[in-house]
């Protein structure tokens, strides 16, 4: 199936990271105008280079998406330039584990909540009113298999991802009937360079590839997925 996004505008938070990079390229290849947030200039430069001739449709903004004022400024700028926002994909997140709950540092616990929950809250809070006003839009938040499969030694991470899924589920109920759709995806360990270095003895062939997950996100943001709303889709590969 070929999904086209010509004339559409998509914001990808964390659009230069391991998954975000693939998602950004996928939307660009389908004709979308893509705005990405990033923190690392080298990652954005690499994305622009990889985009090739599609790079003219790519815009980057160095933004901390947990900063509400900065995100509101970003959304205002997107609407001022393009007059619309068709899709929001939040790939921002982080992992920390390997320690029991009672041994988890409070700062680390808060960091997991900030990266994996607050980012989605801040983005939605700034974006949803404008999407509701325009009468359309698709939001996809990247959660994790850990939201439903709570392993030992990862309580803070699992709690933050489970909370993110619940938050998006409630948001979906709140915007029902407005033309705005909200969904989550739940990847297992994604086959990225960082994850390979973290677990060097794993069977990488079983991990879902960023490019394959990107196709799922493309579908969820497309008109072909207009009946999918309030879902949390597992994307586990063979793991």
Foldseek 3Di string as FASTA:
>chain_A
DQFADALAEEEEEQLLDQLNLLLQLVNLVRHYQYEYEDQDPVSVVVSLVVNPPSSVSYHYDHDDLLDLVRLLVVVVVCCVVRVDHAEYEYPWADFDWDDAPVPDDPVVLVVRLSRQPSSVVSNCVNPVVRCLVVQAHEYEYEAAPLCVVPDGGGVSNNVNRVVNLVVQLVVLVVCPPSHYATEYEHEYDELGPVVCVVPVPDDSQQHHYSNVVSVVVSCRSGPVVSVDHSYYHYDYRND
